[in-house]
PDB file of all heavy atoms in Angstrom:
ATOM      1  N   LEU A   1     -51.073 -43.928 -71.815  1.00  0.00           N
ATOM      2  CA  LEU A   1     -51.979 -42.767 -72.105  1.00  0.00           C
ATOM      3  C   LEU A   1     -53.340 -43.280 -72.568  1.00  0.00           C
ATOM      4  O   LEU A   1     -53.439 -44.241 -73.204  1.00  0.00           O
ATOM      5  CB  LEU A   1     -51.326 -41.824 -73.103  1.00  0.00           C
ATOM      6  CG  LEU A   1     -50.009 -41.176 -72.679  1.00  0.00           C
ATOM      7  CD1 LEU A   1     -49.518 -40.312 -73.793  1.00  0.00           C
ATOM      8  CD2 LEU A   1     -50.193 -40.340 -71.527  1.00  0.00           C
ATOM      9  N   PHE A   2     -54.397 -42.470 -72.214  1.00  0.00           N
ATOM     10  CA  PHE A   2     -55.739 -42.871 -72.360  1.00  0.00           C
ATOM     11  C   PHE A   2     -56.542 -41.695 -73.086  1.00  0.00           C
ATOM     12  O   PHE A   2     -56.210 -40.577 -72.967  1.00  0.00           O
ATOM     13  CB  PHE A   2     -56.376 -43.173 -71.130  1.00  0.00           C
ATOM     14  CG  PHE A   2     -55.824 -44.290 -70.250  1.00  0.00           C
ATOM     15  CD1 PHE A   2     -54.741 -44.106 -69.515  1.00  0.00           C
ATOM     16  CD2 PHE A   2     -56.193 -45.615 -70.413  1.00  0.00           C
ATOM     17  CE1 PHE A   2     -54.135 -45.086 -68.834  1.00  0.00           C
ATOM     18  CE2 PHE A   2     -55.616 -46.619 -69.815  1.00  0.00           C
ATOM     19  CZ  PHE A   2     -54.608 -46.377 -68.920  1.00  0.00           C
ATOM     20  N   GLN A   3     -57.578 -42.197 -73.822  1.00  0.00           N
ATOM     21  CA  GLN A   3     -58.540 -41.214 -74.354  1.00  0.00           C
ATOM     22  C   GLN A   3     -59.976 -41.707 -74.123  1.00  0.00           C
ATOM     23  O   GLN A   3     -60.213 -42.916 -74.252  1.00  0.00           O
ATOM     24  CB  GLN A   3     -58.470 -41.055 -76.006  1.00  0.00           C
ATOM     25  CG  GLN A   3     -59.435 -40.127 -76.497  1.00  0.00           C
ATOM     26  CD  GLN A   3     -59.841 -40.521 -77.929  1.00  0.00           C
ATOM     27  OE1 GLN A   3     -59.351 -41.427 -78.540  1.00  0.00           O
ATOM     28  NE2 GLN A   3     -60.712 -39.654 -78.459  1.00  0.00           N
ATOM     29  N   LEU A   4     -60.758 -40.813 -73.524  1.00  0.00           N
ATOM     30  CA  LEU A   4     -62.147 -41.132 -73.279  1.00  0.00           C
ATOM     31  C   LEU A   4     -62.996 -40.517 -74.343  1.00  0.00           C
ATOM     32  O   LEU A   4     -62.787 -39.370 -74.712  1.00  0.00           O
ATOM     33  CB  LEU A   4     -62.665 -40.598 -71.933  1.00  0.00           C
ATOM     34  CG  LEU A   4     -64.052 -40.839 -71.554  1.00  0.00           C
ATOM     35  CD1 LEU A   4     -64.393 -42.369 -71.366  1.00  0.00           C
ATOM     36  CD2 LEU A   4     -64.397 -40.163 -70.334  1.00  0.00           C
ATOM     37  N   LEU A   5     -64.036 -41.310 -74.803  1.00  0.00           N
ATOM     38  CA  LEU A   5     -64.915 -40.797 -75.847  1.00  0.00           C
ATOM     39  C   LEU A   5     -66.365 -41.099 -75.470  1.00  0.00           C
ATOM     40  O   LEU A   5     -66.622 -42.226 -75.110  1.00  0.00           O
ATOM     41  CB  LEU A   5     -64.599 -41.406 -77.269  1.00  0.00           C
ATOM     42  CG  LEU A   5     -65.271 -40.721 -78.376  1.00  0.00           C
ATOM     43  CD1 LEU A   5     -64.789 -39.316 -78.596  1.00  0.00           C
ATOM     44  CD2 LEU A   5     -65.022 -41.585 -79.730  1.00  0.00           C
ATOM     45  N   THR A   6     -67.268 -40.075 -75.679  1.00  0.00           N
ATOM     46  CA  THR A   6     -68.726 -40.346 -75.421  1.00  0.00           C
ATOM     47  C   THR A   6     -69.403 -39.807 -76.669  1.00  0.00           C
ATOM     48  O   THR A   6     -68.826 -39.311 -77.514  1.00  0.00           O
ATOM     49  CB  THR A   6     -69.201 -39.581 -74.093  1.00  0.00           C
ATOM     50  OG1 THR A   6     -69.094 -38.222 -74.374  1.00  0.00           O
ATOM     51  CG2 THR A   6     -68.453 -40.113 -72.859  1.00  0.00           C
ATOM     52  N   ASN A   7     -70.710 -39.979 -76.633  1.00  0.00           N
ATOM     53  CA  ASN A   7     -71.581 -39.506 -77.773  1.00  0.00           C
ATOM     54  C   ASN A   7     -71.547 -37.888 -77.900  1.00  0.00           C
ATOM     55  O   ASN A   7     -71.864 -37.436 -78.902  1.00  0.00           O
ATOM     56  CB  ASN A   7     -72.992 -39.891 -77.652  1.00  0.00           C
ATOM     57  CG  ASN A   7     -73.156 -41.426 -77.835  1.00  0.00           C
ATOM     58  OD1 ASN A   7     -72.353 -42.068 -78.505  1.00  0.00           O
ATOM     59  ND2 ASN A   7     -74.113 -42.074 -77.162  1.00  0.00           N
ATOM     60  N   ASP A   8     -71.138 -37.235 -76.817  1.00  0.00           N
ATOM     61  CA  ASP A   8     -71.135 -35.812 -76.899  1.00  0.00           C
ATOM     62  C   ASP A   8     -69.925 -35.244 -77.739  1.00  0.00           C
ATOM     63  O   ASP A   8     -69.899 -34.130 -78.157  1.00  0.00           O
ATOM     64  CB  ASP A   8     -70.898 -35.221 -75.455  1.00  0.00           C
ATOM     65  CG  ASP A   8     -72.142 -35.668 -74.604  1.00  0.00           C
ATOM     66  OD1 ASP A   8     -73.271 -35.579 -75.074  1.00  0.00           O
ATOM     67  OD2 ASP A   8     -71.895 -36.052 -73.489  1.00  0.00           O
ATOM     68  N   PHE A   9     -68.807 -36.063 -77.917  1.00  0.00           N
ATOM     69  CA  PHE A   9     -67.641 -35.648 -78.671  1.00  0.00           C
ATOM     70  C   PHE A   9     -67.107 -34.403 -78.013  1.00  0.00           C
ATOM     71  O   PHE A   9     -66.833 -33.393 -78.687  1.00  0.00           O
ATOM     72  CB  PHE A   9     -67.893 -35.472 -80.084  1.00  0.00           C
ATOM     73  CG  PHE A   9     -67.942 -36.722 -80.879  1.00  0.00           C
ATOM     74  CD1 PHE A   9     -67.864 -37.998 -80.269  1.00  0.00           C
ATOM     75  CD2 PHE A   9     -68.059 -36.736 -82.279  1.00  0.00           C
ATOM     76  CE1 PHE A   9     -67.870 -39.173 -80.993  1.00  0.00           C
ATOM     77  CE2 PHE A   9     -68.032 -38.007 -83.027  1.00  0.00           C
ATOM     78  CZ  PHE A   9     -68.036 -39.150 -82.357  1.00  0.00           C
ATOM     79  N   SER A  10     -67.086 -34.368 -76.739  1.00  0.00           N
ATOM     80  CA  SER A  10     -66.641 -33.159 -75.987  1.00  0.00           C
ATOM     81  C   SER A  10     -65.231 -32.724 -76.369  1.00  0.00           C
ATOM     82  O   SER A  10     -64.398 -33.583 -76.538  1.00  0.00           O
ATOM     83  CB  SER A  10     -66.757 -33.348 -74.525  1.00  0.00           C
ATOM     84  OG  SER A  10     -66.311 -32.297 -73.711  1.00  0.00           O
ATOM     85  N   GLY A  11     -64.901 -31.421 -76.251  1.00  0.00           N
ATOM     86  CA  GLY A  11     -63.628 -30.982 -76.645  1.00  0.00           C
ATOM     87  C   GLY A  11     -62.536 -31.542 -75.764  1.00  0.00           C
ATOM     88  O   GLY A  11     -61.393 -31.759 -76.169  1.00  0.00           O
ATOM     89  N   LYS A  12     -62.891 -31.630 -74.515  1.00  0.00           N
ATOM     90  CA  LYS A  12     -61.817 -32.035 -73.488  1.00  0.00           C
ATOM     91  C   LYS A  12     -61.379 -33.437 -73.666  1.00  0.00           C
ATOM     92  O   LYS A  12     -60.420 -33.971 -73.143  1.00  0.00           O
ATOM     93  CB  LYS A  12     -62.309 -31.856 -72.083  1.00  0.00           C
ATOM     94  CG  LYS A  12     -63.475 -32.661 -71.720  1.00  0.00           C
ATOM     95  CD  LYS A  12     -63.882 -32.390 -70.262  1.00  0.00           C
ATOM     96  CE  LYS A  12     -65.062 -33.247 -69.825  1.00  0.00           C
ATOM     97  NZ  LYS A  12     -65.522 -32.935 -68.456  1.00  0.00           N
ATOM     98  N   HIS A  13     -62.220 -34.268 -74.410  1.00  0.00           N
ATOM     99  CA  HIS A  13     -61.930 -35.614 -74.650  1.00  0.00           C
ATOM    100  C   HIS A  13     -61.103 -35.908 -75.993  1.00  0.00           C
ATOM    101  O   HIS A  13     -60.762 -37.018 -76.286  1.00  0.00           O
ATOM    102  CB  HIS A  13     -63.254 -36.509 -74.793  1.00  0.00           C
ATOM    103  CG  HIS A  13     -64.051 -36.558 -73.485  1.00  0.00           C
ATOM    104  ND1 HIS A  13     -65.312 -36.773 -73.474  1.00  0.00           N
ATOM    105  CD2 HIS A  13     -63.581 -36.231 -72.215  1.00  0.00           C
ATOM    106  CE1 HIS A  13     -65.802 -36.711 -72.194  1.00  0.00           C
ATOM    107  NE2 HIS A  13     -64.732 -36.364 -71.459  1.00  0.00           N
ATOM    108  N   GLN A  14     -60.762 -34.734 -76.593  1.00  0.00           N
ATOM    109  CA  GLN A  14     -60.011 -34.940 -77.947  1.00  0.00           C
ATOM    110  C   GLN A  14     -58.567 -34.910 -77.753  1.00  0.00           C
ATOM    111  O   GLN A  14     -57.823 -34.369 -78.581  1.00  0.00           O
ATOM    112  CB  GLN A  14     -60.418 -33.757 -78.789  1.00  0.00           C
ATOM    113  CG  GLN A  14     -61.992 -33.614 -79.076  1.00  0.00           C
ATOM    114  CD  GLN A  14     -62.620 -34.893 -79.519  1.00  0.00           C
ATOM    115  OE1 GLN A  14     -62.167 -35.480 -80.458  1.00  0.00           O
ATOM    116  NE2 GLN A  14     -63.684 -35.224 -78.878  1.00  0.00           N
ATOM    117  N   ARG A  15     -58.102 -35.497 -76.619  1.00  0.00           N
ATOM    118  CA  ARG A  15     -56.625 -35.576 -76.419  1.00  0.00           C
ATOM    119  C   ARG A  15     -56.323 -36.812 -75.429  1.00  0.00           C
ATOM    120  O   ARG A  15     -57.242 -37.315 -74.878  1.00  0.00           O
ATOM    121  CB  ARG A  15     -56.157 -34.285 -75.644  1.00  0.00           C
ATOM    122  CG  ARG A  15     -56.784 -34.031 -74.330  1.00  0.00           C
ATOM    123  CD  ARG A  15     -56.448 -32.596 -73.877  1.00  0.00           C
ATOM    124  NE  ARG A  15     -57.045 -32.369 -72.592  1.00  0.00           N
ATOM    125  CZ  ARG A  15     -56.645 -32.546 -71.411  1.00  0.00           C
ATOM    126  NH1 ARG A  15     -55.388 -33.113 -71.362  1.00  0.00           N
ATOM    127  NH2 ARG A  15     -57.239 -32.293 -70.316  1.00  0.00           N
ATOM    128  N   LEU A  16     -54.994 -37.121 -75.397  1.00  0.00           N
ATOM    129  CA  LEU A  16     -54.648 -38.215 -74.599  1.00  0.00           C
ATOM    130  C   LEU A  16     -54.229 -37.798 -73.214  1.00  0.00           C
ATOM    131  O   LEU A  16     -53.628 -36.717 -73.140  1.00  0.00           O
ATOM    132  CB  LEU A  16     -53.472 -38.969 -75.286  1.00  0.00           C
ATOM    133  CG  LEU A  16     -53.705 -39.703 -76.621  1.00  0.00           C
ATOM    134  CD1 LEU A  16     -52.542 -40.104 -77.259  1.00  0.00           C
ATOM    135  CD2 LEU A  16     -54.638 -40.850 -76.324  1.00  0.00           C
ATOM    136  N   VAL A  17     -54.677 -38.466 -72.154  1.00  0.00           N
ATOM    137  CA  VAL A  17     -54.422 -38.125 -70.806  1.00  0.00           C
ATOM    138  C   VAL A  17     -53.853 -39.233 -70.021  1.00  0.00           C
ATOM    139  O   VAL A  17     -53.821 -40.359 -70.517  1.00  0.00           O
ATOM    140  CB  VAL A  17     -55.677 -37.538 -70.131  1.00  0.00           C
ATOM    141  CG1 VAL A  17     -56.195 -36.256 -70.848  1.00  0.00           C
ATOM    142  CG2 VAL A  17     -56.747 -38.584 -70.064  1.00  0.00           C
ATOM    143  N   ASN A  18     -53.320 -38.927 -68.838  1.00  0.00           N
ATOM    144  CA  ASN A  18     -52.796 -39.969 -67.990  1.00  0.00           C
ATOM    145  C   ASN A  18     -53.972 -40.700 -67.264  1.00  0.00           C
ATOM    146  O   ASN A  18     -55.135 -40.387 -67.432  1.00  0.00           O
ATOM    147  CB  ASN A  18     -51.754 -39.472 -67.001  1.00  0.00           C
ATOM    148  CG  ASN A  18     -52.400 -38.406 -66.104  1.00  0.00           C
ATOM    149  OD1 ASN A  18     -53.564 -38.355 -65.771  1.00  0.00           O
ATOM    150  ND2 ASN A  18     -51.576 -37.477 -65.641  1.00  0.00           N
ATOM    151  N   LYS A  19     -53.563 -41.779 -66.592  1.00  0.00           N
ATOM    152  CA  LYS A  19     -54.599 -42.625 -65.982  1.00  0.00           C
ATOM    153  C   LYS A  19     -55.435 -41.841 -64.909  1.00  0.00           C
ATOM    154  O   LYS A  19     -56.697 -41.981 -64.952  1.00  0.00           O
ATOM    155  CB  LYS A  19     -53.932 -43.838 -65.324  1.00  0.00           C
ATOM    156  CG  LYS A  19     -54.991 -44.834 -64.659  1.00  0.00           C
ATOM    157  CD  LYS A  19     -54.275 -45.816 -63.817  1.00  0.00           C
ATOM    158  CE  LYS A  19     -53.412 -46.802 -64.596  1.00  0.00           C
ATOM    159  NZ  LYS A  19     -52.911 -47.920 -63.744  1.00  0.00           N
ATOM    160  N   GLU A  20     -54.852 -41.064 -64.107  1.00  0.00           N
ATOM    161  CA  GLU A  20     -55.634 -40.373 -63.079  1.00  0.00           C
ATOM    162  C   GLU A  20     -56.591 -39.396 -63.666  1.00  0.00           C
ATOM    163  O   GLU A  20     -57.751 -39.299 -63.223  1.00  0.00           O
ATOM    164  CB  GLU A  20     -54.572 -39.556 -62.217  1.00  0.00           C
ATOM    165  CG  GLU A  20     -55.174 -38.823 -61.057  1.00  0.00           C
ATOM    166  CD  GLU A  20     -54.271 -38.100 -60.214  1.00  0.00           C
ATOM    167  OE1 GLU A  20     -52.993 -38.283 -60.387  1.00  0.00           O
ATOM    168  OE2 GLU A  20     -54.681 -37.358 -59.316  1.00  0.00           O
ATOM    169  N   GLU A  21     -56.205 -38.640 -64.693  1.00  0.00           N
ATOM    170  CA  GLU A  21     -57.141 -37.702 -65.346  1.00  0.00           C
ATOM    171  C   GLU A  21     -58.229 -38.415 -66.149  1.00  0.00           C
ATOM    172  O   GLU A  21     -59.395 -38.008 -66.188  1.00  0.00           O
ATOM    173  CB  GLU A  21     -56.429 -36.749 -66.286  1.00  0.00           C
ATOM    174  CG  GLU A  21     -57.206 -35.606 -66.816  1.00  0.00           C
ATOM    175  CD  GLU A  21     -56.290 -34.646 -67.633  1.00  0.00           C
ATOM    176  OE1 GLU A  21     -55.058 -34.849 -67.729  1.00  0.00           O
ATOM    177  OE2 GLU A  21     -56.899 -33.562 -68.136  1.00  0.00           O
ATOM    178  N   PHE A  22     -57.854 -39.556 -66.695  1.00  0.00           N
ATOM    179  CA  PHE A  22     -58.756 -40.333 -67.394  1.00  0.00           C
ATOM    180  C   PHE A  22     -59.911 -40.831 -66.457  1.00  0.00           C
ATOM    181  O   PHE A  22     -61.128 -40.799 -66.729  1.00  0.00           O
ATOM    182  CB  PHE A  22     -58.121 -41.567 -68.092  1.00  0.00           C
ATOM    183  CG  PHE A  22     -59.053 -42.580 -68.696  1.00  0.00           C
ATOM    184  CD1 PHE A  22     -59.570 -42.317 -69.958  1.00  0.00           C
ATOM    185  CD2 PHE A  22     -59.340 -43.792 -68.077  1.00  0.00           C
ATOM    186  CE1 PHE A  22     -60.448 -43.256 -70.508  1.00  0.00           C
ATOM    187  CE2 PHE A  22     -60.102 -44.750 -68.712  1.00  0.00           C
ATOM    188  CZ  PHE A  22     -60.729 -44.427 -69.957  1.00  0.00           C
ATOM    189  N   ILE A  23     -59.546 -41.367 -65.307  1.00  0.00           N
ATOM    190  CA  ILE A  23     -60.629 -41.797 -64.396  1.00  0.00           C
ATOM    191  C   ILE A  23     -61.451 -40.716 -63.877  1.00  0.00           C
ATOM    192  O   ILE A  23     -62.683 -40.801 -63.670  1.00  0.00           O
ATOM    193  CB  ILE A  23     -59.888 -42.555 -63.160  1.00  0.00           C
ATOM    194  CG1 ILE A  23     -59.216 -43.792 -63.641  1.00  0.00           C
ATOM    195  CG2 ILE A  23     -60.888 -42.830 -61.993  1.00  0.00           C
ATOM    196  CD1 ILE A  23     -58.395 -44.536 -62.595  1.00  0.00           C
ATOM    197  N   ALA A  24     -60.850 -39.430 -63.762  1.00  0.00           N
ATOM    198  CA  ALA A  24     -61.747 -38.206 -63.392  1.00  0.00           C
ATOM    199  C   ALA A  24     -62.665 -37.952 -64.481  1.00  0.00           C
ATOM    200  O   ALA A  24     -63.857 -37.631 -64.257  1.00  0.00           O
ATOM    201  CB  ALA A  24     -60.819 -37.019 -63.068  1.00  0.00           C
ATOM    202  N   PHE A  25     -62.279 -38.139 -65.805  1.00  0.00           N
ATOM    203  CA  PHE A  25     -63.253 -37.952 -66.879  1.00  0.00           C
ATOM    204  C   PHE A  25     -64.398 -38.925 -66.766  1.00  0.00           C
ATOM    205  O   PHE A  25     -65.557 -38.523 -67.110  1.00  0.00           O
ATOM    206  CB  PHE A  25     -62.527 -38.084 -68.197  1.00  0.00           C
ATOM    207  CG  PHE A  25     -61.653 -36.816 -68.609  1.00  0.00           C
ATOM    208  CD1 PHE A  25     -60.743 -36.915 -69.596  1.00  0.00           C
ATOM    209  CD2 PHE A  25     -61.772 -35.668 -67.914  1.00  0.00           C
ATOM    210  CE1 PHE A  25     -60.016 -35.855 -70.056  1.00  0.00           C
ATOM    211  CE2 PHE A  25     -61.067 -34.612 -68.292  1.00  0.00           C
ATOM    212  CZ  PHE A  25     -60.135 -34.683 -69.360  1.00  0.00           C
ATOM    213  N   ILE A  26     -64.058 -40.203 -66.417  1.00  0.00           N
ATOM    214  CA  ILE A  26     -65.150 -41.168 -66.346  1.00  0.00           C
ATOM    215  C   ILE A  26     -66.219 -40.770 -65.482  1.00  0.00           C
ATOM    216  O   ILE A  26     -67.378 -40.978 -65.616  1.00  0.00           O
ATOM    217  CB  ILE A  26     -64.500 -42.516 -66.030  1.00  0.00           C
ATOM    218  CG1 ILE A  26     -63.580 -43.005 -67.135  1.00  0.00           C
ATOM    219  CG2 ILE A  26     -65.636 -43.629 -65.698  1.00  0.00           C
ATOM    220  CD1 ILE A  26     -62.860 -44.354 -66.753  1.00  0.00           C
ATOM    221  N   ASP A  27     -65.839 -40.243 -64.226  1.00  0.00           N
ATOM    222  CA  ASP A  27     -66.769 -39.819 -63.214  1.00  0.00           C
ATOM    223  C   ASP A  27     -67.705 -38.774 -63.650  1.00  0.00           C
ATOM    224  O   ASP A  27     -68.888 -38.671 -63.107  1.00  0.00           O
ATOM    225  CB  ASP A  27     -66.008 -39.414 -61.956  1.00  0.00           C
ATOM    226  CG  ASP A  27     -65.187 -40.435 -61.229  1.00  0.00           C
ATOM    227  OD1 ASP A  27     -65.526 -41.654 -61.490  1.00  0.00           O
ATOM    228  OD2 ASP A  27     -64.188 -40.237 -60.687  1.00  0.00           O
ATOM    229  N   ASP A  28     -67.290 -37.982 -64.604  1.00  0.00           N
ATOM    230  CA  ASP A  28     -68.179 -36.865 -65.142  1.00  0.00           C
ATOM    231  C   ASP A  28     -69.158 -37.264 -66.203  1.00  0.00           C
ATOM    232  O   ASP A  28     -69.920 -36.514 -66.631  1.00  0.00           O
ATOM    233  CB  ASP A  28     -67.270 -35.665 -65.654  1.00  0.00           C
ATOM    234  CG  ASP A  28     -66.507 -35.082 -64.537  1.00  0.00           C
ATOM    235  OD1 ASP A  28     -66.946 -35.166 -63.385  1.00  0.00           O
ATOM    236  OD2 ASP A  28     -65.343 -34.550 -64.816  1.00  0.00           O
ATOM    237  N   VAL A  29     -69.114 -38.481 -66.727  1.00  0.00           N
ATOM    238  CA  VAL A  29     -70.008 -38.953 -67.833  1.00  0.00           C
ATOM    239  C   VAL A  29     -71.440 -38.971 -67.334  1.00  0.00           C
ATOM    240  O   VAL A  29     -71.751 -39.548 -66.340  1.00  0.00           O
ATOM    241  CB  VAL A  29     -69.600 -40.271 -68.347  1.00  0.00           C
ATOM    242  CG1 VAL A  29     -70.537 -40.757 -69.482  1.00  0.00           C
ATOM    243  CG2 VAL A  29     -68.116 -40.169 -68.968  1.00  0.00           C
ATOM    244  N   LYS A  30     -72.299 -38.433 -68.158  1.00  0.00           N
ATOM    245  CA  LYS A  30     -73.753 -38.369 -67.779  1.00  0.00           C
ATOM    246  C   LYS A  30     -74.565 -38.737 -69.059  1.00  0.00           C
ATOM    247  O   LYS A  30     -73.969 -38.785 -70.178  1.00  0.00           O
ATOM    248  CB  LYS A  30     -74.282 -36.916 -67.396  1.00  0.00           C
ATOM    249  CG  LYS A  30     -73.525 -36.373 -66.074  1.00  0.00           C
ATOM    250  CD  LYS A  30     -73.901 -37.055 -64.920  1.00  0.00           C
ATOM    251  CE  LYS A  30     -73.386 -36.450 -63.675  1.00  0.00           C
ATOM    252  NZ  LYS A  30     -71.897 -36.355 -63.655  1.00  0.00           N
ATOM    253  N   ILE A  31     -75.873 -39.136 -68.889  1.00  0.00           N
ATOM    254  CA  ILE A  31     -76.726 -39.470 -69.921  1.00  0.00           C
ATOM    255  C   ILE A  31     -76.852 -38.250 -70.849  1.00  0.00           C
ATOM    256  O   ILE A  31     -77.057 -37.082 -70.467  1.00  0.00           O
ATOM    257  CB  ILE A  31     -78.108 -39.917 -69.450  1.00  0.00           C
ATOM    258  CG1 ILE A  31     -77.960 -41.317 -68.722  1.00  0.00           C
ATOM    259  CG2 ILE A  31     -79.067 -40.031 -70.568  1.00  0.00           C
ATOM    260  CD1 ILE A  31     -77.666 -42.504 -69.736  1.00  0.00           C
ATOM    261  N   SER A  32     -76.839 -38.518 -72.182  1.00  0.00           N
ATOM    262  CA  SER A  32     -76.889 -37.383 -73.159  1.00  0.00           C
ATOM    263  C   SER A  32     -77.913 -37.750 -74.248  1.00  0.00           C
ATOM    264  O   SER A  32     -78.053 -38.910 -74.626  1.00  0.00           O
ATOM    265  CB  SER A  32     -75.546 -37.226 -73.852  1.00  0.00           C
ATOM    266  OG  SER A  32     -75.597 -36.382 -74.866  1.00  0.00           O
ATOM    267  N   PRO A  33     -78.516 -36.732 -74.797  1.00  0.00           N
ATOM    268  CA  PRO A  33     -79.525 -36.930 -75.902  1.00  0.00           C
ATOM    269  C   PRO A  33     -78.810 -37.334 -77.261  1.00  0.00           C
ATOM    270  O   PRO A  33     -79.440 -37.722 -78.219  1.00  0.00           O
ATOM    271  CB  PRO A  33     -80.349 -35.629 -76.057  1.00  0.00           C
ATOM    272  CG  PRO A  33     -79.381 -34.600 -75.430  1.00  0.00           C
ATOM    273  CD  PRO A  33     -78.582 -35.267 -74.425  1.00  0.00           C
ATOM    274  N   ALA A  34     -77.443 -36.962 -77.311  1.00  0.00           N
ATOM    275  CA  ALA A  34     -76.745 -37.324 -78.572  1.00  0.00           C
ATOM    276  C   ALA A  34     -76.594 -38.832 -78.808  1.00  0.00           C
ATOM    277  O   ALA A  34     -76.564 -39.710 -77.887  1.00  0.00           O
ATOM    278  CB  ALA A  34     -75.341 -36.696 -78.463  1.00  0.00           C
ATOM    279  N   SER A  35     -76.567 -39.259 -80.033  1.00  0.00           N
ATOM    280  CA  SER A  35     -76.279 -40.612 -80.475  1.00  0.00           C
ATOM    281  C   SER A  35     -75.348 -40.638 -81.622  1.00  0.00           C
ATOM    282  O   SER A  35     -75.295 -39.693 -82.469  1.00  0.00           O
ATOM    283  CB  SER A  35     -77.639 -41.312 -80.799  1.00  0.00           C
ATOM    284  OG  SER A  35     -78.221 -40.639 -81.852  1.00  0.00           O
ATOM    285  N   ARG A  36     -74.573 -41.661 -81.638  1.00  0.00           N
ATOM    286  CA  ARG A  36     -73.496 -41.834 -82.735  1.00  0.00           C
ATOM    287  C   ARG A  36     -73.613 -43.195 -83.404  1.00  0.00           C
ATOM    288  O   ARG A  36     -74.047 -44.134 -82.835  1.00  0.00           O
ATOM    289  CB  ARG A  36     -72.123 -41.580 -82.202  1.00  0.00           C
ATOM    290  CG  ARG A  36     -71.955 -40.214 -81.445  1.00  0.00           C
ATOM    291  CD  ARG A  36     -71.902 -39.045 -82.410  1.00  0.00           C
ATOM    292  NE  ARG A  36     -71.782 -37.852 -81.698  1.00  0.00           N
ATOM    293  CZ  ARG A  36     -71.743 -36.540 -82.237  1.00  0.00           C
ATOM    294  NH1 ARG A  36     -71.823 -36.483 -83.603  1.00  0.00           N
ATOM    295  NH2 ARG A  36     -71.601 -35.475 -81.507  1.00  0.00           N
ATOM    296  N   LYS A  37     -73.023 -43.244 -84.619  1.00  0.00           N
ATOM    297  CA  LYS A  37     -72.960 -44.568 -85.264  1.00  0.00           C
ATOM    298  C   LYS A  37     -71.460 -45.034 -85.147  1.00  0.00           C
ATOM    299  O   LYS A  37     -70.520 -44.246 -84.999  1.00  0.00           O
ATOM    300  CB  LYS A  37     -73.402 -44.454 -86.738  1.00  0.00           C
ATOM    301  CG  LYS A  37     -74.848 -44.135 -86.861  1.00  0.00           C
ATOM    302  CD  LYS A  37     -75.274 -44.143 -88.289  1.00  0.00           C
ATOM    303  CE  LYS A  37     -76.752 -43.796 -88.454  1.00  0.00           C
ATOM    304  NZ  LYS A  37     -77.608 -44.686 -87.780  1.00  0.00           N
ATOM    305  N   TRP A  38     -71.299 -46.333 -85.233  1.00  0.00           N
ATOM    306  CA  TRP A  38     -69.991 -46.946 -85.080  1.00  0.00           C
ATOM    307  C   TRP A  38     -68.928 -46.306 -85.993  1.00  0.00           C
ATOM    308  O   TRP A  38     -67.793 -46.105 -85.588  1.00  0.00           O
ATOM    309  CB  TRP A  38     -70.112 -48.484 -85.334  1.00  0.00           C
ATOM    310  CG  TRP A  38     -70.712 -49.206 -84.180  1.00  0.00           C
ATOM    311  CD1 TRP A  38     -71.722 -50.078 -84.279  1.00  0.00           C
ATOM    312  CD2 TRP A  38     -70.437 -49.203 -82.869  1.00  0.00           C
ATOM    313  NE1 TRP A  38     -72.141 -50.605 -83.093  1.00  0.00           N
ATOM    314  CE2 TRP A  38     -71.235 -50.024 -82.044  1.00  0.00           C
ATOM    315  CE3 TRP A  38     -69.377 -48.489 -82.079  1.00  0.00           C
ATOM    316  CZ2 TRP A  38     -71.253 -50.204 -80.732  1.00  0.00           C
ATOM    317  CZ3 TRP A  38     -69.402 -48.690 -80.719  1.00  0.00           C
ATOM    318  CH2 TRP A  38     -70.305 -49.554 -80.120  1.00  0.00           C
ATOM    319  N   PRO A  39     -69.222 -46.156 -87.395  1.00  0.00           N
ATOM    320  CA  PRO A  39     -68.035 -45.600 -88.184  1.00  0.00           C
ATOM    321  C   PRO A  39     -67.541 -44.195 -87.725  1.00  0.00           C
ATOM    322  O   PRO A  39     -66.390 -44.031 -87.709  1.00  0.00           O
ATOM    323  CB  PRO A  39     -68.803 -45.469 -89.564  1.00  0.00           C
ATOM    324  CG  PRO A  39     -69.934 -46.491 -89.540  1.00  0.00           C
ATOM    325  CD  PRO A  39     -70.401 -46.513 -88.121  1.00  0.00           C
ATOM    326  N   GLU A  40     -68.433 -43.346 -87.305  1.00  0.00           N
ATOM    327  CA  GLU A  40     -67.883 -42.055 -86.869  1.00  0.00           C
ATOM    328  C   GLU A  40     -67.233 -42.108 -85.508  1.00  0.00           C
ATOM    329  O   GLU A  40     -66.268 -41.413 -85.208  1.00  0.00           O
ATOM    330  CB  GLU A  40     -69.044 -40.998 -86.836  1.00  0.00           C
ATOM    331  CG  GLU A  40     -70.222 -41.326 -85.842  1.00  0.00           C
ATOM    332  CD  GLU A  40     -71.267 -40.220 -85.902  1.00  0.00           C
ATOM    333  OE1 GLU A  40     -70.925 -39.032 -86.050  1.00  0.00           O
ATOM    334  OE2 GLU A  40     -72.432 -40.617 -85.772  1.00  0.00           O
ATOM    335  N   ILE A  41     -67.677 -43.083 -84.645  1.00  0.00           N
ATOM    336  CA  ILE A  41     -66.950 -43.246 -83.359  1.00  0.00           C
ATOM    337  C   ILE A  41     -65.576 -43.803 -83.644  1.00  0.00           C
ATOM    338  O   ILE A  41     -64.578 -43.348 -83.094  1.00  0.00           O
ATOM    339  CB  ILE A  41     -67.727 -44.261 -82.489  1.00  0.00           C
ATOM    340  CG1 ILE A  41     -69.003 -43.587 -82.043  1.00  0.00           C
ATOM    341  CG2 ILE A  41     -66.963 -44.667 -81.277  1.00  0.00           C
ATOM    342  CD1 ILE A  41     -70.046 -44.589 -81.417  1.00  0.00           C
ATOM    343  N   GLN A  42     -65.449 -44.851 -84.504  1.00  0.00           N
ATOM    344  CA  GLN A  42     -64.145 -45.377 -84.866  1.00  0.00           C
ATOM    345  C   GLN A  42     -63.170 -44.352 -85.488  1.00  0.00           C
ATOM    346  O   GLN A  42     -61.977 -44.366 -85.277  1.00  0.00           O
ATOM    347  CB  GLN A  42     -64.273 -46.615 -85.739  1.00  0.00           C
ATOM    348  CG  GLN A  42     -64.907 -47.795 -85.051  1.00  0.00           C
ATOM    349  CD  GLN A  42     -65.097 -49.015 -85.962  1.00  0.00           C
ATOM    350  OE1 GLN A  42     -65.992 -49.139 -86.617  1.00  0.00           O
ATOM    351  NE2 GLN A  42     -64.008 -49.900 -85.811  1.00  0.00           N
ATOM    352  N   LYS A  43     -63.820 -43.542 -86.367  1.00  0.00           N
ATOM    353  CA  LYS A  43     -62.880 -42.489 -87.005  1.00  0.00           C
ATOM    354  C   LYS A  43     -62.366 -41.588 -86.036  1.00  0.00           C
ATOM    355  O   LYS A  43     -61.236 -41.126 -86.102  1.00  0.00           O
ATOM    356  CB  LYS A  43     -63.751 -41.856 -88.112  1.00  0.00           C
ATOM    357  CG  LYS A  43     -62.932 -40.759 -88.904  1.00  0.00           C
ATOM    358  CD  LYS A  43     -63.850 -40.144 -89.954  1.00  0.00           C
ATOM    359  CE  LYS A  43     -63.014 -39.120 -90.810  1.00  0.00           C
ATOM    360  NZ  LYS A  43     -62.344 -38.135 -90.043  1.00  0.00           N
TER     361      LYS A  43
END
C-alpha cells in the first residue's frame, strides 16, 4: 500500500491506496504555490 503526499496536503492523499491508484495520483501532480517544511511533512 502507498501514500502520496505533496505540498497541497490534498484530502485525497490522506489515505493508503494500491499501486495502480497511487500511480494515477502521481500523474495529477502539478506545480503549486504552497510550500512546506520537513517537520510538518514528516508528521
